[in-house]
């Protein structure tokens, strides 16, 4: 089963035997512990819940939930699977389940940009900055309509930018270091450095 949770370290390059330079994002993917297994019979669907990292100050409900696995994880994440995996609570899942050339999808929280205007957030054009203009070249301008007299839901406006869940598909595994629990993916992965991401293999 090709699923794991990791921490984004940053980007680098690897040079192949043919001299081609490949940009990769390196992730620290320490072994994750199976904390729960869900089945169609008991829960209505098949899934595996993994615990990652070393947490502290866990609530009593979470502590009781992961007690059988013998861990205190920082992150709990559930992965849907088609068939019940041959795993049990307490087993470890590591990068050794992946191999170079596998296609994966990575999900993480993108970088937060704070409060942004429409020029930055939606790539709007600025207003004309000509003689006699007031100089508010980055303001939104008119947002209403003649009829009905309201602002439609979904209107592109200034607001919070970034810090959204983003999934990038069809990334290729380009580097694996099982001894140090590192995995390198060709291309960019969402989120800042030290951000938590999930990696799922796609057949």
C-alpha atoms as a PDB file:
ATOM      1  CA  UNK A   1       0.000   0.000   0.000  1.00  0.00           C
ATOM      2  CA  UNK A   2       1.628   3.216  -1.205  1.00  0.00           C
ATOM      3  CA  UNK A   3       0.535   5.849   1.298  1.00  0.00           C
ATOM      4  CA  UNK A   4       2.587   7.853   3.765  1.00  0.00           C
ATOM      5  CA  UNK A   5       2.731  11.190   5.583  1.00  0.00           C
ATOM      6  CA  UNK A   6       5.793  13.435   5.366  1.00  0.00           C
ATOM      7  CA  UNK A   7       7.310  16.831   6.074  1.00  0.00           C
ATOM      8  CA  UNK A   8       8.483  19.105   3.271  1.00  0.00           C
ATOM      9  CA  UNK A   9      12.209  19.890   3.530  1.00  0.00           C
ATOM     10  CA  UNK A  10      12.771  21.896   0.355  1.00  0.00           C
ATOM     11  CA  UNK A  11      13.850  21.678  -3.266  1.00  0.00           C
ATOM     12  CA  UNK A  12      17.124  20.580  -4.805  1.00  0.00           C
ATOM     13  CA  UNK A  13      18.477  18.996  -7.976  1.00  0.00           C
ATOM     14  CA  UNK A  14      19.687  15.535  -8.843  1.00  0.00           C
ATOM     15  CA  UNK A  15      21.908  14.731 -11.810  1.00  0.00           C
ATOM     16  CA  UNK A  16      21.243  11.466 -13.610  1.00  0.00           C
ATOM     17  CA  UNK A  17      23.780   9.170 -15.236  1.00  0.00           C
ATOM     18  CA  UNK A  18      22.866  10.745 -18.590  1.00  0.00           C
ATOM     19  CA  UNK A  19      23.714  14.217 -17.257  1.00  0.00           C
ATOM     20  CA  UNK A  20      20.110  15.433 -17.139  1.00  0.00           C
ATOM     21  CA  UNK A  21      19.353  17.689 -14.156  1.00  0.00           C
ATOM     22  CA  UNK A  22      16.013  16.998 -12.460  1.00  0.00           C
ATOM     23  CA  UNK A  23      14.421  19.421  -9.955  1.00  0.00           C
ATOM     24  CA  UNK A  24      13.039  17.494  -6.973  1.00  0.00           C
ATOM     25  CA  UNK A  25      11.233  18.296  -3.740  1.00  0.00           C
ATOM     26  CA  UNK A  26      12.667  16.362  -0.811  1.00  0.00           C
ATOM     27  CA  UNK A  27      10.294  15.119   1.893  1.00  0.00           C
ATOM     28  CA  UNK A  28      11.153  13.662   5.281  1.00  0.00           C
ATOM     29  CA  UNK A  29       8.789  10.690   5.528  1.00  0.00           C
ATOM     30  CA  UNK A  30       9.498   8.903   8.793  1.00  0.00           C
ATOM     31  CA  UNK A  31       7.603   5.624   9.261  1.00  0.00           C
ATOM     32  CA  UNK A  32       3.903   6.176   9.958  1.00  0.00           C
ATOM     33  CA  UNK A  33       2.008   3.933  12.367  1.00  0.00           C
ATOM     34  CA  UNK A  34      -1.332   2.314  11.598  1.00  0.00           C
ATOM     35  CA  UNK A  35      -3.734   3.582  14.267  1.00  0.00           C
ATOM     36  CA  UNK A  36      -7.035   2.290  12.869  1.00  0.00           C
ATOM     37  CA  UNK A  37      -8.344   0.098  10.062  1.00  0.00           C
ATOM     38  CA  UNK A  38     -11.852   0.641   8.740  1.00  0.00           C
ATOM     39  CA  UNK A  39     -13.786  -1.938   6.747  1.00  0.00           C
ATOM     40  CA  UNK A  40     -17.035  -2.029   4.803  1.00  0.00           C
ATOM     41  CA  UNK A  41     -18.575  -4.333   7.391  1.00  0.00           C
ATOM     42  CA  UNK A  42     -17.916  -2.071  10.376  1.00  0.00           C
ATOM     43  CA  UNK A  43     -17.692   1.456   8.912  1.00  0.00           C
ATOM     44  CA  UNK A  44     -19.236   1.269   5.452  1.00  0.00           C
ATOM     45  CA  UNK A  45     -15.962   1.788   3.575  1.00  0.00           C
ATOM     46  CA  UNK A  46     -12.352   0.620   3.535  1.00  0.00           C
ATOM     47  CA  UNK A  47      -9.705   2.954   4.915  1.00  0.00           C
ATOM     48  CA  UNK A  48      -6.448   3.039   6.834  1.00  0.00           C
ATOM     49  CA  UNK A  49      -5.667   5.704   9.436  1.00  0.00           C
ATOM     50  CA  UNK A  50      -1.994   6.584   9.933  1.00  0.00           C
ATOM     51  CA  UNK A  51      -0.317   8.483  12.738  1.00  0.00           C
ATOM     52  CA  UNK A  52       2.766  10.584  12.011  1.00  0.00           C
ATOM     53  CA  UNK A  53       5.261  12.451  14.157  1.00  0.00           C
ATOM     54  CA  UNK A  54       5.547  12.826  17.904  1.00  0.00           C
ATOM     55  CA  UNK A  55       2.763  14.826  19.460  1.00  0.00           C
ATOM     56  CA  UNK A  56       2.295  16.151  22.974  1.00  0.00           C
ATOM     57  CA  UNK A  57      -0.602  17.281  25.117  1.00  0.00           C
ATOM     58  CA  UNK A  58      -3.026  14.956  23.347  1.00  0.00           C
ATOM     59  CA  UNK A  59      -6.647  15.096  24.396  1.00  0.00           C
ATOM     60  CA  UNK A  60      -8.022  12.146  26.368  1.00  0.00           C
ATOM     61  CA  UNK A  61     -10.172  11.057  23.432  1.00  0.00           C
ATOM     62  CA  UNK A  62      -7.208  10.988  21.020  1.00  0.00           C
ATOM     63  CA  UNK A  63      -4.955   9.328  23.608  1.00  0.00           C
ATOM     64  CA  UNK A  64      -7.490   6.586  24.100  1.00  0.00           C
ATOM     65  CA  UNK A  65      -7.957   6.180  20.360  1.00  0.00           C
ATOM     66  CA  UNK A  66      -4.239   5.618  19.642  1.00  0.00           C
ATOM     67  CA  UNK A  67      -3.472   3.650  22.821  1.00  0.00           C
ATOM     68  CA  UNK A  68      -3.708   0.309  21.004  1.00  0.00           C
ATOM     69  CA  UNK A  69      -1.062   1.441  18.513  1.00  0.00           C
ATOM     70  CA  UNK A  70       1.305   2.500  21.287  1.00  0.00           C
ATOM     71  CA  UNK A  71       2.082   5.925  19.789  1.00  0.00           C
ATOM     72  CA  UNK A  72       1.360   9.610  20.446  1.00  0.00           C
ATOM     73  CA  UNK A  73       1.171  11.026  16.905  1.00  0.00           C
ATOM     74  CA  UNK A  74       1.284  14.671  15.944  1.00  0.00           C
ATOM     75  CA  UNK A  75      -0.890  14.102  12.857  1.00  0.00           C
ATOM     76  CA  UNK A  76      -3.660  11.592  12.127  1.00  0.00           C
ATOM     77  CA  UNK A  77      -4.773  11.083   8.538  1.00  0.00           C
ATOM     78  CA  UNK A  78      -7.138   8.633   6.917  1.00  0.00           C
ATOM     79  CA  UNK A  79      -6.541   7.109   3.471  1.00  0.00           C
ATOM     80  CA  UNK A  80      -9.362   5.488   1.527  1.00  0.00           C
ATOM     81  CA  UNK A  81      -8.477   2.133  -0.074  1.00  0.00           C
ATOM     82  CA  UNK A  82     -10.386  -0.134  -2.421  1.00  0.00           C
ATOM     83  CA  UNK A  83      -9.604  -3.352  -0.575  1.00  0.00           C
ATOM     84  CA  UNK A  84      -8.877  -4.084   3.057  1.00  0.00           C
ATOM     85  CA  UNK A  85      -5.076  -3.980   3.404  1.00  0.00           C
ATOM     86  CA  UNK A  86      -3.080  -6.729   5.059  1.00  0.00           C
ATOM     87  CA  UNK A  87      -2.167  -4.498   7.968  1.00  0.00           C
ATOM     88  CA  UNK A  88      -3.015  -4.377  11.628  1.00  0.00           C
ATOM     89  CA  UNK A  89      -2.966  -1.657  14.265  1.00  0.00           C
ATOM     90  CA  UNK A  90       0.597  -0.867  15.280  1.00  0.00           C
ATOM     91  CA  UNK A  91       2.225  -1.767  11.933  1.00  0.00           C
ATOM     92  CA  UNK A  92       4.653   0.685  10.318  1.00  0.00           C
ATOM     93  CA  UNK A  93       4.425   2.140   6.810  1.00  0.00           C
ATOM     94  CA  UNK A  94       7.617   3.569   5.292  1.00  0.00           C
ATOM     95  CA  UNK A  95       9.069   4.927   2.046  1.00  0.00           C
ATOM     96  CA  UNK A  96      10.224   1.414   1.158  1.00  0.00           C
ATOM     97  CA  UNK A  97       6.736   0.832  -0.272  1.00  0.00           C
ATOM     98  CA  UNK A  98       7.582   3.307  -3.053  1.00  0.00           C
ATOM     99  CA  UNK A  99      10.041   2.872  -5.896  1.00  0.00           C
ATOM    100  CA  UNK A 100      11.641   5.247  -8.379  1.00  0.00           C
ATOM    101  CA  UNK A 101       9.322   5.966 -11.300  1.00  0.00           C
ATOM    102  CA  UNK A 102       6.058   5.587  -9.365  1.00  0.00           C
ATOM    103  CA  UNK A 103       3.380   8.214  -9.934  1.00  0.00           C
ATOM    104  CA  UNK A 104       1.922   9.779  -6.800  1.00  0.00           C
ATOM    105  CA  UNK A 105      -0.409  12.568  -5.746  1.00  0.00           C
ATOM    106  CA  UNK A 106       0.518  14.923  -2.919  1.00  0.00           C
ATOM    107  CA  UNK A 107      -1.903  16.920  -0.784  1.00  0.00           C
ATOM    108  CA  UNK A 108      -0.865  19.808   1.453  1.00  0.00           C
ATOM    109  CA  UNK A 109      -1.811  23.291   2.643  1.00  0.00           C
ATOM    110  CA  UNK A 110      -0.532  26.004   0.290  1.00  0.00           C
ATOM    111  CA  UNK A 111       1.444  29.012   1.498  1.00  0.00           C
ATOM    112  CA  UNK A 112      -0.696  31.730   3.053  1.00  0.00           C
ATOM    113  CA  UNK A 113      -0.370  35.154   1.383  1.00  0.00           C
ATOM    114  CA  UNK A 114      -2.503  37.120   3.824  1.00  0.00           C
ATOM    115  CA  UNK A 115      -5.109  39.682   2.740  1.00  0.00           C
ATOM    116  CA  UNK A 116      -4.631  40.524  -0.938  1.00  0.00           C
ATOM    117  CA  UNK A 117      -6.300  42.788  -3.465  1.00  0.00           C
ATOM    118  CA  UNK A 118      -7.778  41.756  -6.787  1.00  0.00           C
ATOM    119  CA  UNK A 119      -4.631  42.561  -8.804  1.00  0.00           C
ATOM    120  CA  UNK A 120      -2.566  40.040  -6.849  1.00  0.00           C
ATOM    121  CA  UNK A 121      -5.317  37.576  -5.972  1.00  0.00           C
ATOM    122  CA  UNK A 122      -7.151  37.346  -9.315  1.00  0.00           C
ATOM    123  CA  UNK A 123      -4.647  38.881 -11.741  1.00  0.00           C
ATOM    124  CA  UNK A 124      -6.898  41.872 -12.505  1.00  0.00           C
ATOM    125  CA  UNK A 125      -5.538  44.725 -14.623  1.00  0.00           C
ATOM    126  CA  UNK A 126      -4.822  48.063 -12.997  1.00  0.00           C
ATOM    127  CA  UNK A 127      -6.906  51.090 -13.908  1.00  0.00           C
ATOM    128  CA  UNK A 128      -5.550  53.733 -16.284  1.00  0.00           C
ATOM    129  CA  UNK A 129      -3.031  56.059 -14.654  1.00  0.00           C
ATOM    130  CA  UNK A 130      -3.478  59.087 -16.887  1.00  0.00           C
ATOM    131  CA  UNK A 131      -3.786  62.851 -16.407  1.00  0.00           C
ATOM    132  CA  UNK A 132      -6.801  63.738 -14.325  1.00  0.00           C
ATOM    133  CA  UNK A 133      -7.177  60.284 -12.806  1.00  0.00           C
ATOM    134  CA  UNK A 134      -7.439  60.084  -9.024  1.00  0.00           C
ATOM    135  CA  UNK A 135      -4.628  57.529  -8.689  1.00  0.00           C
ATOM    136  CA  UNK A 136      -6.583  54.617  -7.209  1.00  0.00           C
ATOM    137  CA  UNK A 137      -5.283  52.336  -9.916  1.00  0.00           C
ATOM    138  CA  UNK A 138      -5.554  49.088  -7.889  1.00  0.00           C
ATOM    139  CA  UNK A 139      -9.070  49.460  -6.493  1.00  0.00           C
ATOM    140  CA  UNK A 140     -11.822  47.106  -7.611  1.00  0.00           C
ATOM    141  CA  UNK A 141     -14.199  49.620  -9.121  1.00  0.00           C
ATOM    142  CA  UNK A 142     -17.901  48.945  -9.698  1.00  0.00           C
ATOM    143  CA  UNK A 143     -19.012  45.523  -8.457  1.00  0.00           C
ATOM    144  CA  UNK A 144     -22.785  45.720  -8.893  1.00  0.00           C
ATOM    145  CA  UNK A 145     -25.150  45.145 -11.793  1.00  0.00           C
ATOM    146  CA  UNK A 146     -28.165  46.980 -13.163  1.00  0.00           C
ATOM    147  CA  UNK A 147     -30.496  44.122 -12.279  1.00  0.00           C
ATOM    148  CA  UNK A 148     -30.812  42.442  -9.876  1.00  0.00           C
ATOM    149  CA  UNK A 149     -29.353  45.000  -7.506  1.00  0.00           C
ATOM    150  CA  UNK A 150     -27.024  42.726  -5.594  1.00  0.00           C
ATOM    151  CA  UNK A 151     -23.489  41.316  -5.636  1.00  0.00           C
ATOM    152  CA  UNK A 152     -23.544  37.786  -6.945  1.00  0.00           C
ATOM    153  CA  UNK A 153     -22.082  34.997  -4.842  1.00  0.00           C
ATOM    154  CA  UNK A 154     -18.550  34.083  -5.939  1.00  0.00           C
ATOM    155  CA  UNK A 155     -17.687  37.586  -7.155  1.00  0.00           C
ATOM    156  CA  UNK A 156     -13.917  38.006  -7.376  1.00  0.00           C
ATOM    157  CA  UNK A 157     -13.062  40.404  -4.577  1.00  0.00           C
ATOM    158  CA  UNK A 158     -10.143  41.211  -2.255  1.00  0.00           C
ATOM    159  CA  UNK A 159      -9.718  38.719   0.558  1.00  0.00           C
ATOM    160  CA  UNK A 160      -7.582  36.037   2.129  1.00  0.00           C
ATOM    161  CA  UNK A 161      -5.206  34.482  -0.379  1.00  0.00           C
ATOM    162  CA  UNK A 162      -3.585  31.088  -0.059  1.00  0.00           C
ATOM    163  CA  UNK A 163      -3.617  28.665   2.895  1.00  0.00           C
ATOM    164  CA  UNK A 164      -5.921  26.295   0.999  1.00  0.00           C
ATOM    165  CA  UNK A 165      -5.776  22.538   0.614  1.00  0.00           C
ATOM    166  CA  UNK A 166      -4.072  21.767  -2.692  1.00  0.00           C
ATOM    167  CA  UNK A 167      -3.569  18.404  -4.406  1.00  0.00           C
ATOM    168  CA  UNK A 168      -0.911  17.963  -7.087  1.00  0.00           C
ATOM    169  CA  UNK A 169      -1.299  14.839  -9.202  1.00  0.00           C
ATOM    170  CA  UNK A 170       1.065  12.807 -11.386  1.00  0.00           C
ATOM    171  CA  UNK A 171       4.283  13.654  -9.558  1.00  0.00           C
ATOM    172  CA  UNK A 172       7.031  11.097 -10.178  1.00  0.00           C
ATOM    173  CA  UNK A 173       9.230   9.566  -7.503  1.00  0.00           C
ATOM    174  CA  UNK A 174      12.796  10.473  -8.517  1.00  0.00           C
ATOM    175  CA  UNK A 175      14.766   9.707  -5.357  1.00  0.00           C
ATOM    176  CA  UNK A 176      14.456   7.383  -2.367  1.00  0.00           C
ATOM    177  CA  UNK A 177      16.722   7.090   0.667  1.00  0.00           C
ATOM    178  CA  UNK A 178      15.166   4.389   2.834  1.00  0.00           C
ATOM    179  CA  UNK A 179      17.956   4.597   5.412  1.00  0.00           C
ATOM    180  CA  UNK A 180      17.220   8.258   6.191  1.00  0.00           C
ATOM    181  CA  UNK A 181      13.477   8.056   5.360  1.00  0.00           C
ATOM    182  CA  UNK A 182      13.728  10.559   2.496  1.00  0.00           C
ATOM    183  CA  UNK A 183      11.724  10.634  -0.695  1.00  0.00           C
ATOM    184  CA  UNK A 184      12.243  13.030  -3.615  1.00  0.00           C
ATOM    185  CA  UNK A 185       9.451  13.935  -6.035  1.00  0.00           C
ATOM    186  CA  UNK A 186      10.022  15.461  -9.457  1.00  0.00           C
ATOM    187  CA  UNK A 187       8.444  18.905  -9.445  1.00  0.00           C
ATOM    188  CA  UNK A 188       6.917  21.200  -6.834  1.00  0.00           C
ATOM    189  CA  UNK A 189       4.905  20.209  -3.771  1.00  0.00           C
ATOM    190  CA  UNK A 190       2.325  22.550  -2.176  1.00  0.00           C
ATOM    191  CA  UNK A 191       3.055  24.266   1.107  1.00  0.00           C
ATOM    192  CA  UNK A 192       5.964  25.903   2.913  1.00  0.00           C
ATOM    193  CA  UNK A 193       9.040  24.219   4.330  1.00  0.00           C
ATOM    194  CA  UNK A 194       8.225  22.069   7.376  1.00  0.00           C
ATOM    195  CA  UNK A 195       4.666  21.726   6.073  1.00  0.00           C
ATOM    196  CA  UNK A 196       2.894  18.380   6.503  1.00  0.00           C
ATOM    197  CA  UNK A 197       1.845  16.602   3.292  1.00  0.00           C
ATOM    198  CA  UNK A 198       0.271  13.268   2.416  1.00  0.00           C
ATOM    199  CA  UNK A 199       1.571  11.075  -0.396  1.00  0.00           C
ATOM    200  CA  UNK A 200      -0.599   8.531  -2.201  1.00  0.00           C
ATOM    201  CA  UNK A 201       0.562   6.214  -4.944  1.00  0.00           C
ATOM    202  CA  UNK A 202      -1.584   5.984  -8.077  1.00  0.00           C
ATOM    203  CA  UNK A 203      -1.536   2.877 -10.206  1.00  0.00           C
END
